[in-house]
Amino acid sequence: MTLHPSALISPEAQLADDVEVGPFAVIEGSVQLAAGVKIGGHAWLCGDTSIGEGSSIGWGSVIGANPQDLGFDPALRSGVRIGARNQIREYVTIHRSSQAGGHTTLGEGNYLMTGVHVGHDSQIGDGNVLANNVMFGGHVRLGNRAFLGGGGGYHQFLHIGDLAMVQGNAVVSQDVPPYCVAYGKNHLAGLNTVGLRRAGLDAAARAEIKKVYGLLFGSGLTLNRALEAAAAMDWSPAAKLLLDSVAKPSRKGVITERKKGTV
């Protein structure tokens, strides 16, 4: 274990034998750090926070602080759960849940660049990349292997699907369906075809996803009518994921505005 002498570490904290903690870092309360975790200087970890094996927390990051909720009672017990092999860079903030016994969660293998903010109760899957200064409101749900461009703002409660890609500085207040590219203010630009190939989806699966996308967003039908038409057909699990995300959206609804000429 390598602990800088200026670091402040609570006697209640549980640190694996090979954890590294940098200068002036603060670890409060019952924080748990698994094997291989590295904490940068001036980082602050507090409360019921656990960090998974091989993850790193960058300089000045704050993990487990109270949610930005005017009605929040600081006496409420909640926390943050971060999985293995996450890279969390400088000045990232991840706030604890606003619900009693709840957790803000981050899966495995995610990369959060400098200045990212993850609001309370957000749920992030695996293998995602959030570029600099991405901002999540509370209760945002992000799937797996998505890429979110820098400076994007995401309204509370919305969903972002697997393999989605969103342009930098986007303003998003509705769900981004799986496999889709979004830009600007709640606009779709088509499918993330490069991401689909890199994810290992074969040509047949990609063609089926393209067919579902065209039915939902390019057929001229309302979403309800498009879903009714889709229900009469058989789909692979990959295509069904896109259909299900539209059939069961968050309370914010799904982005439907489509760039002309996209399929």
C-alpha atoms as a PDB file:
ATOM      1  CA  MET A   1       0.000   0.000   0.000  1.00  0.00           C
ATOM      2  CA  THR A   2       1.334   3.431  -0.994  1.00  0.00           C
ATOM      3  CA  LEU A   3      -0.243   6.261   0.993  1.00  0.00           C
ATOM      4  CA  HIS A   4       1.091   9.781   0.713  1.00  0.00           C
ATOM      5  CA  PRO A   5       1.767  11.187   4.197  1.00  0.00           C
ATOM      6  CA  SER A   6      -0.476  14.194   3.522  1.00  0.00           C
ATOM      7  CA  ALA A   7      -3.515  12.040   2.663  1.00  0.00           C
ATOM      8  CA  LEU A   8      -6.337  11.914   5.221  1.00  0.00           C
ATOM      9  CA  ILE A   9      -7.874   8.458   5.553  1.00  0.00           C
ATOM     10  CA  SER A  10     -10.718   7.508   7.898  1.00  0.00           C
ATOM     11  CA  PRO A  11     -10.091   4.566  10.248  1.00  0.00           C
ATOM     12  CA  GLU A  12     -13.421   3.175   9.004  1.00  0.00           C
ATOM     13  CA  ALA A  13     -12.212   2.983   5.386  1.00  0.00           C
ATOM     14  CA  GLN A  14     -11.266  -0.411   3.952  1.00  0.00           C
ATOM     15  CA  LEU A  15      -8.297  -0.361   1.576  1.00  0.00           C
ATOM     16  CA  ALA A  16      -6.758  -3.340  -0.240  1.00  0.00           C
ATOM     17  CA  ASP A  17      -3.066  -3.967   0.351  1.00  0.00           C
ATOM     18  CA  ASP A  18      -1.890  -2.493  -2.962  1.00  0.00           C
ATOM     19  CA  VAL A  19      -4.018   0.663  -3.078  1.00  0.00           C
ATOM     20  CA  GLU A  20      -2.264   3.941  -3.939  1.00  0.00           C
ATOM     21  CA  VAL A  21      -3.444   7.267  -2.492  1.00  0.00           C
ATOM     22  CA  GLY A  22      -1.913  10.555  -3.661  1.00  0.00           C
ATOM     23  CA  PRO A  23      -1.091  13.784  -1.822  1.00  0.00           C
ATOM     24  CA  PHE A  24      -3.829  15.640   0.048  1.00  0.00           C
ATOM     25  CA  ALA A  25      -6.493  13.123  -0.931  1.00  0.00           C
ATOM     26  CA  VAL A  26      -9.335  12.732   1.582  1.00  0.00           C
ATOM     27  CA  ILE A  27     -11.047   9.382   2.196  1.00  0.00           C
ATOM     28  CA  GLU A  28     -13.917   9.751   4.647  1.00  0.00           C
ATOM     29  CA  GLY A  29     -16.225   7.289   6.352  1.00  0.00           C
ATOM     30  CA  SER A  30     -16.638   3.688   5.256  1.00  0.00           C
ATOM     31  CA  VAL A  31     -15.193   3.991   1.732  1.00  0.00           C
ATOM     32  CA  GLN A  32     -14.029   0.653   0.272  1.00  0.00           C
ATOM     33  CA  LEU A  33     -11.151   0.466  -2.233  1.00  0.00           C
ATOM     34  CA  ALA A  34     -10.471  -2.861  -3.963  1.00  0.00           C
ATOM     35  CA  ALA A  35      -7.157  -4.245  -5.207  1.00  0.00           C
ATOM     36  CA  GLY A  36      -5.172  -2.053  -7.578  1.00  0.00           C
ATOM     37  CA  VAL A  37      -7.203   1.120  -7.045  1.00  0.00           C
ATOM     38  CA  LYS A  38      -5.318   4.398  -7.498  1.00  0.00           C
ATOM     39  CA  ILE A  39      -6.544   7.659  -5.980  1.00  0.00           C
ATOM     40  CA  GLY A  40      -5.058  10.902  -7.326  1.00  0.00           C
ATOM     41  CA  GLY A  41      -4.009  13.865  -5.277  1.00  0.00           C
ATOM     42  CA  HIS A  42      -6.673  16.180  -3.840  1.00  0.00           C
ATOM     43  CA  ALA A  43      -9.436  13.680  -4.641  1.00  0.00           C
ATOM     44  CA  TRP A  44     -12.230  13.374  -2.083  1.00  0.00           C
ATOM     45  CA  LEU A  45     -14.111  10.123  -1.518  1.00  0.00           C
ATOM     46  CA  CYS A  46     -16.800   9.988   1.106  1.00  0.00           C
ATOM     47  CA  GLY A  47     -19.643   8.021   2.640  1.00  0.00           C
ATOM     48  CA  ASP A  48     -20.878   4.645   1.447  1.00  0.00           C
ATOM     49  CA  THR A  49     -18.671   4.521  -1.641  1.00  0.00           C
ATOM     50  CA  SER A  50     -16.966   1.453  -3.080  1.00  0.00           C
ATOM     51  CA  ILE A  51     -14.423   1.430  -5.922  1.00  0.00           C
ATOM     52  CA  GLY A  52     -13.807  -1.788  -7.866  1.00  0.00           C
ATOM     53  CA  GLU A  53     -10.569  -3.537  -8.699  1.00  0.00           C
ATOM     54  CA  GLY A  54      -8.097  -1.730 -10.932  1.00  0.00           C
ATOM     55  CA  SER A  55     -10.060   1.528 -11.128  1.00  0.00           C
ATOM     56  CA  SER A  56      -8.401   4.930 -10.919  1.00  0.00           C
ATOM     57  CA  ILE A  57      -9.730   8.246  -9.613  1.00  0.00           C
ATOM     58  CA  GLY A  58      -8.081  11.381 -11.011  1.00  0.00           C
ATOM     59  CA  TRP A  59      -6.796  14.484  -9.278  1.00  0.00           C
ATOM     60  CA  GLY A  60      -9.440  16.633  -7.625  1.00  0.00           C
ATOM     61  CA  SER A  61     -12.352  14.284  -8.291  1.00  0.00           C
ATOM     62  CA  VAL A  62     -15.196  14.115  -5.773  1.00  0.00           C
ATOM     63  CA  ILE A  63     -16.966  10.769  -5.371  1.00  0.00           C
ATOM     64  CA  GLY A  64     -19.933  10.228  -3.043  1.00  0.00           C
ATOM     65  CA  ALA A  65     -20.839  13.818  -2.175  1.00  0.00           C
ATOM     66  CA  ASN A  66     -24.435  14.817  -1.460  1.00  0.00           C
ATOM     67  CA  PRO A  67     -26.767  15.157  -4.463  1.00  0.00           C
ATOM     68  CA  GLN A  68     -27.597  18.598  -5.790  1.00  0.00           C
ATOM     69  CA  ASP A  69     -31.180  18.389  -4.601  1.00  0.00           C
ATOM     70  CA  LEU A  70     -32.639  21.263  -2.575  1.00  0.00           C
ATOM     71  CA  GLY A  71     -34.920  18.886  -0.684  1.00  0.00           C
ATOM     72  CA  PHE A  72     -32.230  16.343   0.200  1.00  0.00           C
ATOM     73  CA  ASP A  73     -31.741  15.328   3.820  1.00  0.00           C
ATOM     74  CA  PRO A  74     -27.977  14.835   4.418  1.00  0.00           C
ATOM     75  CA  ALA A  75     -28.790  12.330   7.183  1.00  0.00           C
ATOM     76  CA  LEU A  76     -30.229   9.921   4.603  1.00  0.00           C
ATOM     77  CA  ARG A  77     -28.003   6.882   3.995  1.00  0.00           C
ATOM     78  CA  SER A  78     -27.107   6.195   0.355  1.00  0.00           C
ATOM     79  CA  GLY A  79     -23.982   5.709  -1.688  1.00  0.00           C
ATOM     80  CA  VAL A  80     -21.998   5.165  -4.870  1.00  0.00           C
ATOM     81  CA  ARG A  81     -20.959   1.847  -6.432  1.00  0.00           C
ATOM     82  CA  ILE A  82     -18.148   1.870  -9.001  1.00  0.00           C
ATOM     83  CA  GLY A  83     -17.094  -1.389 -10.667  1.00  0.00           C
ATOM     84  CA  ALA A  84     -13.748  -2.669 -11.893  1.00  0.00           C
ATOM     85  CA  ARG A  85     -11.300  -1.136 -14.389  1.00  0.00           C
ATOM     86  CA  ASN A  86     -12.887   2.287 -14.631  1.00  0.00           C
ATOM     87  CA  GLN A  87     -10.732   5.273 -15.541  1.00  0.00           C
ATOM     88  CA  ILE A  88     -12.094   8.415 -13.914  1.00  0.00           C
ATOM     89  CA  ARG A  89      -9.964  11.400 -14.807  1.00  0.00           C
ATOM     90  CA  GLU A  90      -9.404  14.794 -13.184  1.00  0.00           C
ATOM     91  CA  TYR A  91     -12.181  16.804 -11.509  1.00  0.00           C
ATOM     92  CA  VAL A  92     -14.972  14.315 -12.123  1.00  0.00           C
ATOM     93  CA  THR A  93     -17.943  14.473  -9.731  1.00  0.00           C
ATOM     94  CA  ILE A  94     -20.205  11.503  -8.975  1.00  0.00           C
ATOM     95  CA  HIS A  95     -22.948  12.193  -6.433  1.00  0.00           C
ATOM     96  CA  ARG A  96     -24.573   9.677  -4.145  1.00  0.00           C
ATOM     97  CA  SER A  97     -28.193   8.598  -4.449  1.00  0.00           C
ATOM     98  CA  SER A  98     -31.023  10.787  -3.217  1.00  0.00           C
ATOM     99  CA  GLN A  99     -33.011   7.676  -2.219  1.00  0.00           C
ATOM    100  CA  ALA A 100     -32.719   5.877   1.127  1.00  0.00           C
ATOM    101  CA  GLY A 101     -30.516   2.834   0.593  1.00  0.00           C
ATOM    102  CA  GLY A 102     -30.000   3.748  -3.072  1.00  0.00           C
ATOM    103  CA  HIS A 103     -26.800   3.953  -5.086  1.00  0.00           C
ATOM    104  CA  THR A 104     -25.471   5.850  -8.046  1.00  0.00           C
ATOM    105  CA  THR A 105     -23.726   3.127 -10.068  1.00  0.00           C
ATOM    106  CA  LEU A 106     -20.957   2.788 -12.619  1.00  0.00           C
ATOM    107  CA  GLY A 107     -20.307  -0.609 -14.230  1.00  0.00           C
ATOM    108  CA  GLU A 108     -16.963  -1.834 -15.541  1.00  0.00           C
ATOM    109  CA  GLY A 109     -14.412  -0.527 -18.006  1.00  0.00           C
ATOM    110  CA  ASN A 110     -15.798   2.972 -18.414  1.00  0.00           C
ATOM    111  CA  TYR A 111     -13.685   6.029 -19.251  1.00  0.00           C
ATOM    112  CA  LEU A 112     -14.844   9.353 -17.817  1.00  0.00           C
ATOM    113  CA  MET A 113     -12.738  12.254 -19.061  1.00  0.00           C
ATOM    114  CA  THR A 114     -11.914  15.449 -17.213  1.00  0.00           C
ATOM    115  CA  GLY A 115     -14.806  17.418 -15.729  1.00  0.00           C
ATOM    116  CA  VAL A 116     -17.597  14.862 -16.202  1.00  0.00           C
ATOM    117  CA  HIS A 117     -20.525  15.157 -13.787  1.00  0.00           C
ATOM    118  CA  VAL A 118     -22.707  12.151 -12.937  1.00  0.00           C
ATOM    119  CA  GLY A 119     -25.843  13.213 -11.090  1.00  0.00           C
ATOM    120  CA  HIS A 120     -27.468  11.316  -8.236  1.00  0.00           C
ATOM    121  CA  ASP A 121     -29.118   7.947  -8.919  1.00  0.00           C
ATOM    122  CA  SER A 122     -27.670   7.679 -12.411  1.00  0.00           C
ATOM    123  CA  GLN A 123     -26.975   4.147 -13.638  1.00  0.00           C
ATOM    124  CA  ILE A 124     -24.083   3.656 -16.075  1.00  0.00           C
ATOM    125  CA  GLY A 125     -23.330   0.304 -17.724  1.00  0.00           C
ATOM    126  CA  ASP A 126     -20.037  -1.024 -19.094  1.00  0.00           C
ATOM    127  CA  GLY A 127     -17.458   0.153 -21.607  1.00  0.00           C
ATOM    128  CA  ASN A 128     -18.767   3.675 -22.133  1.00  0.00           C
ATOM    129  CA  VAL A 129     -16.721   6.770 -22.987  1.00  0.00           C
ATOM    130  CA  LEU A 130     -17.856  10.136 -21.645  1.00  0.00           C
ATOM    131  CA  ALA A 131     -15.720  12.938 -23.065  1.00  0.00           C
ATOM    132  CA  ASN A 132     -14.752  16.104 -21.206  1.00  0.00           C
ATOM    133  CA  ASN A 133     -17.461  17.989 -19.345  1.00  0.00           C
ATOM    134  CA  VAL A 134     -20.368  15.680 -20.128  1.00  0.00           C
ATOM    135  CA  MET A 135     -23.114  16.497 -17.614  1.00  0.00           C
ATOM    136  CA  PHE A 136     -25.752  14.047 -16.379  1.00  0.00           C
ATOM    137  CA  GLY A 137     -28.777  15.177 -14.410  1.00  0.00           C
ATOM    138  CA  GLY A 138     -30.163  12.815 -11.802  1.00  0.00           C
ATOM    139  CA  HIS A 139     -31.550   9.356 -12.631  1.00  0.00           C
ATOM    140  CA  VAL A 140     -29.989   9.162 -16.104  1.00  0.00           C
ATOM    141  CA  ARG A 141     -29.615   5.569 -17.350  1.00  0.00           C
ATOM    142  CA  LEU A 142     -26.796   4.772 -19.789  1.00  0.00           C
ATOM    143  CA  GLY A 143     -26.360   1.368 -21.436  1.00  0.00           C
ATOM    144  CA  ASN A 144     -23.114  -0.168 -22.694  1.00  0.00           C
ATOM    145  CA  ARG A 145     -20.376   0.898 -25.109  1.00  0.00           C
ATOM    146  CA  ALA A 146     -21.805   4.314 -25.898  1.00  0.00           C
ATOM    147  CA  PHE A 147     -19.719   7.372 -26.784  1.00  0.00           C
ATOM    148  CA  LEU A 148     -20.846  10.793 -25.575  1.00  0.00           C
ATOM    149  CA  GLY A 149     -19.068  13.827 -27.024  1.00  0.00           C
ATOM    150  CA  GLY A 150     -17.644  16.558 -24.827  1.00  0.00           C
ATOM    151  CA  GLY A 151     -19.795  19.246 -23.258  1.00  0.00           C
ATOM    152  CA  GLY A 152     -23.089  17.452 -23.782  1.00  0.00           C
ATOM    153  CA  GLY A 153     -25.905  18.096 -21.322  1.00  0.00           C
ATOM    154  CA  TYR A 154     -28.363  15.298 -20.440  1.00  0.00           C
ATOM    155  CA  HIS A 155     -31.649  15.989 -18.691  1.00  0.00           C
ATOM    156  CA  GLN A 156     -32.686  14.026 -15.632  1.00  0.00           C
ATOM    157  CA  PHE A 157     -34.461  10.665 -15.978  1.00  0.00           C
ATOM    158  CA  LEU A 158     -33.653  10.029 -19.639  1.00  0.00           C
ATOM    159  CA  HIS A 159     -32.186   6.829 -21.131  1.00  0.00           C
ATOM    160  CA  ILE A 160     -29.247   6.401 -23.522  1.00  0.00           C
ATOM    161  CA  GLY A 161     -29.029   3.020 -25.251  1.00  0.00           C
ATOM    162  CA  ASP A 162     -26.229   0.596 -26.041  1.00  0.00           C
ATOM    163  CA  LEU A 163     -23.737   1.692 -28.722  1.00  0.00           C
ATOM    164  CA  ALA A 164     -25.307   5.123 -29.010  1.00  0.00           C
ATOM    165  CA  MET A 165     -23.130   8.036 -30.101  1.00  0.00           C
ATOM    166  CA  VAL A 166     -23.879  11.670 -29.290  1.00  0.00           C
ATOM    167  CA  GLN A 167     -22.197  14.738 -30.762  1.00  0.00           C
ATOM    168  CA  GLY A 168     -20.262  17.103 -28.524  1.00  0.00           C
ATOM    169  CA  ASN A 169     -22.176  20.022 -26.996  1.00  0.00           C
ATOM    170  CA  ALA A 170     -25.494  18.309 -27.653  1.00  0.00           C
ATOM    171  CA  VAL A 171     -28.532  19.238 -25.573  1.00  0.00           C
ATOM    172  CA  VAL A 172     -30.460  16.049 -24.847  1.00  0.00           C
ATOM    173  CA  SER A 173     -33.778  15.966 -23.021  1.00  0.00           C
ATOM    174  CA  GLN A 174     -35.256  12.789 -24.535  1.00  0.00           C
ATOM    175  CA  ASP A 175     -34.092   9.181 -24.809  1.00  0.00           C
ATOM    176  CA  VAL A 176     -31.353   8.308 -27.294  1.00  0.00           C
ATOM    177  CA  PRO A 177     -32.265   4.829 -28.618  1.00  0.00           C
ATOM    178  CA  PRO A 178     -29.654   2.061 -28.864  1.00  0.00           C
ATOM    179  CA  TYR A 179     -27.345   2.144 -31.901  1.00  0.00           C
ATOM    180  CA  CYS A 180     -28.359   5.701 -32.832  1.00  0.00           C
ATOM    181  CA  VAL A 181     -26.349   8.846 -33.462  1.00  0.00           C
ATOM    182  CA  ALA A 182     -27.782  12.035 -31.947  1.00  0.00           C
ATOM    183  CA  TYR A 183     -26.732  15.656 -32.350  1.00  0.00           C
ATOM    184  CA  GLY A 184     -27.804  19.203 -31.540  1.00  0.00           C
ATOM    185  CA  LYS A 185     -31.004  19.523 -29.567  1.00  0.00           C
ATOM    186  CA  ASN A 186     -32.833  16.178 -29.650  1.00  0.00           C
ATOM    187  CA  HIS A 187     -32.077  15.200 -33.257  1.00  0.00           C
ATOM    188  CA  LEU A 188     -31.172  11.831 -34.734  1.00  0.00           C
ATOM    189  CA  ALA A 189     -28.584  11.554 -37.495  1.00  0.00           C
ATOM    190  CA  GLY A 190     -28.944   7.851 -38.278  1.00  0.00           C
ATOM    191  CA  LEU A 191     -27.304   4.669 -37.026  1.00  0.00           C
ATOM    192  CA  ASN A 192     -23.857   4.250 -35.510  1.00  0.00           C
ATOM    193  CA  THR A 193     -22.826   1.872 -38.283  1.00  0.00           C
ATOM    194  CA  VAL A 194     -19.125   1.917 -37.401  1.00  0.00           C
ATOM    195  CA  GLY A 195     -19.940   1.132 -33.781  1.00  0.00           C
ATOM    196  CA  LEU A 196     -22.188  -1.749 -34.827  1.00  0.00           C
ATOM    197  CA  ARG A 197     -19.377  -3.314 -36.861  1.00  0.00           C
ATOM    198  CA  ARG A 198     -16.831  -2.804 -34.092  1.00  0.00           C
ATOM    199  CA  ALA A 199     -19.224  -4.441 -31.641  1.00  0.00           C
ATOM    200  CA  GLY A 200     -19.109  -7.598 -33.746  1.00  0.00           C
ATOM    201  CA  LEU A 201     -22.661  -7.534 -35.092  1.00  0.00           C
ATOM    202  CA  ASP A 202     -22.758  -9.411 -38.371  1.00  0.00           C
ATOM    203  CA  ALA A 203     -24.192  -8.093 -41.632  1.00  0.00           C
ATOM    204  CA  ALA A 204     -27.561  -9.773 -41.098  1.00  0.00           C
ATOM    205  CA  ALA A 205     -27.979  -8.247 -37.634  1.00  0.00           C
ATOM    206  CA  ARG A 206     -26.954  -4.799 -38.905  1.00  0.00           C
ATOM    207  CA  ALA A 207     -29.424  -5.032 -41.785  1.00  0.00           C
ATOM    208  CA  GLU A 208     -32.214  -5.946 -39.402  1.00  0.00           C
ATOM    209  CA  ILE A 209     -31.376  -3.032 -37.087  1.00  0.00           C
ATOM    210  CA  LYS A 210     -31.402  -0.720 -40.112  1.00  0.00           C
ATOM    211  CA  LYS A 211     -34.829  -2.052 -41.087  1.00  0.00           C
ATOM    212  CA  VAL A 212     -36.194  -1.407 -37.571  1.00  0.00           C
ATOM    213  CA  TYR A 213     -34.715   2.102 -37.546  1.00  0.00           C
ATOM    214  CA  GLY A 214     -36.339   2.893 -40.889  1.00  0.00           C
ATOM    215  CA  LEU A 215     -39.692   1.566 -39.705  1.00  0.00           C
ATOM    216  CA  LEU A 216     -39.611   3.575 -36.474  1.00  0.00           C
ATOM    217  CA  PHE A 217     -38.168   6.840 -37.704  1.00  0.00           C
ATOM    218  CA  GLY A 218     -38.385   6.885 -41.507  1.00  0.00           C
ATOM    219  CA  SER A 219     -41.681   5.286 -42.475  1.00  0.00           C
ATOM    220  CA  GLY A 220     -43.923   8.264 -41.779  1.00  0.00           C
ATOM    221  CA  LEU A 221     -45.910   6.219 -39.246  1.00  0.00           C
ATOM    222  CA  THR A 222     -46.461   7.334 -35.699  1.00  0.00           C
ATOM    223  CA  LEU A 223     -44.325   5.441 -33.197  1.00  0.00           C
ATOM    224  CA  ASN A 224     -47.370   3.523 -31.964  1.00  0.00           C
ATOM    225  CA  ARG A 225     -48.331   2.445 -35.490  1.00  0.00           C
ATOM    226  CA  ALA A 226     -44.731   1.557 -36.286  1.00  0.00           C
ATOM    227  CA  LEU A 227     -44.508  -0.567 -33.146  1.00  0.00           C
ATOM    228  CA  GLU A 228     -47.758  -2.307 -34.076  1.00  0.00           C
ATOM    229  CA  ALA A 229     -46.343  -3.113 -37.506  1.00  0.00           C
ATOM    230  CA  ALA A 230     -43.113  -4.389 -35.963  1.00  0.00           C
ATOM    231  CA  ALA A 231     -45.016  -6.620 -33.530  1.00  0.00           C
ATOM    232  CA  ALA A 232     -46.255  -8.695 -36.457  1.00  0.00           C
ATOM    233  CA  MET A 233     -42.688  -9.624 -37.445  1.00  0.00           C
ATOM    234  CA  ASP A 234     -39.928 -11.721 -35.924  1.00  0.00           C
ATOM    235  CA  TRP A 235     -36.739  -9.949 -34.876  1.00  0.00           C
ATOM    236  CA  SER A 236     -33.325 -10.907 -33.590  1.00  0.00           C
ATOM    237  CA  PRO A 237     -32.411  -9.947 -29.996  1.00  0.00           C
ATOM    238  CA  ALA A 238     -30.240  -7.079 -31.287  1.00  0.00           C
ATOM    239  CA  ALA A 239     -33.087  -5.563 -33.309  1.00  0.00           C
ATOM    240  CA  LYS A 240     -35.553  -6.188 -30.514  1.00  0.00           C
ATOM    241  CA  LEU A 241     -33.399  -4.101 -28.165  1.00  0.00           C
ATOM    242  CA  LEU A 242     -34.072  -1.062 -30.366  1.00  0.00           C
ATOM    243  CA  LEU A 243     -37.801  -1.816 -30.513  1.00  0.00           C
ATOM    244  CA  ASP A 244     -38.066  -2.319 -26.760  1.00  0.00           C
ATOM    245  CA  SER A 245     -36.317   0.973 -26.026  1.00  0.00           C
ATOM    246  CA  VAL A 246     -38.977   2.808 -28.035  1.00  0.00           C
ATOM    247  CA  ALA A 247     -41.872   0.740 -26.701  1.00  0.00           C
ATOM    248  CA  LYS A 248     -40.797   1.314 -23.081  1.00  0.00           C
ATOM    249  CA  PRO A 249     -39.145   4.728 -22.956  1.00  0.00           C
ATOM    250  CA  SER A 250     -38.331   6.847 -19.940  1.00  0.00           C
ATOM    251  CA  ARG A 251     -40.781   9.496 -18.803  1.00  0.00           C
ATOM    252  CA  LYS A 252     -38.987  11.902 -21.181  1.00  0.00           C
ATOM    253  CA  GLY A 253     -40.001  10.051 -24.356  1.00  0.00           C
ATOM    254  CA  VAL A 254     -37.785   9.164 -27.325  1.00  0.00           C
ATOM    255  CA  ILE A 255     -36.022  11.428 -29.803  1.00  0.00           C
ATOM    256  CA  THR A 256     -37.851  11.182 -33.121  1.00  0.00           C
ATOM    257  CA  GLU A 257     -36.620  14.242 -35.019  1.00  0.00           C
ATOM    258  CA  ARG A 258     -34.565  12.842 -37.887  1.00  0.00           C
ATOM    259  CA  LYS A 259     -32.032  14.444 -40.176  1.00  0.00           C
ATOM    260  CA  LYS A 260     -33.400  14.395 -43.717  1.00  0.00           C
ATOM    261  CA  GLY A 261     -31.867  11.784 -45.948  1.00  0.00           C
ATOM    262  CA  THR A 262     -30.856   9.403 -43.141  1.00  0.00           C
ATOM    263  CA  VAL A 263     -31.978   5.811 -42.902  1.00  0.00           C
END
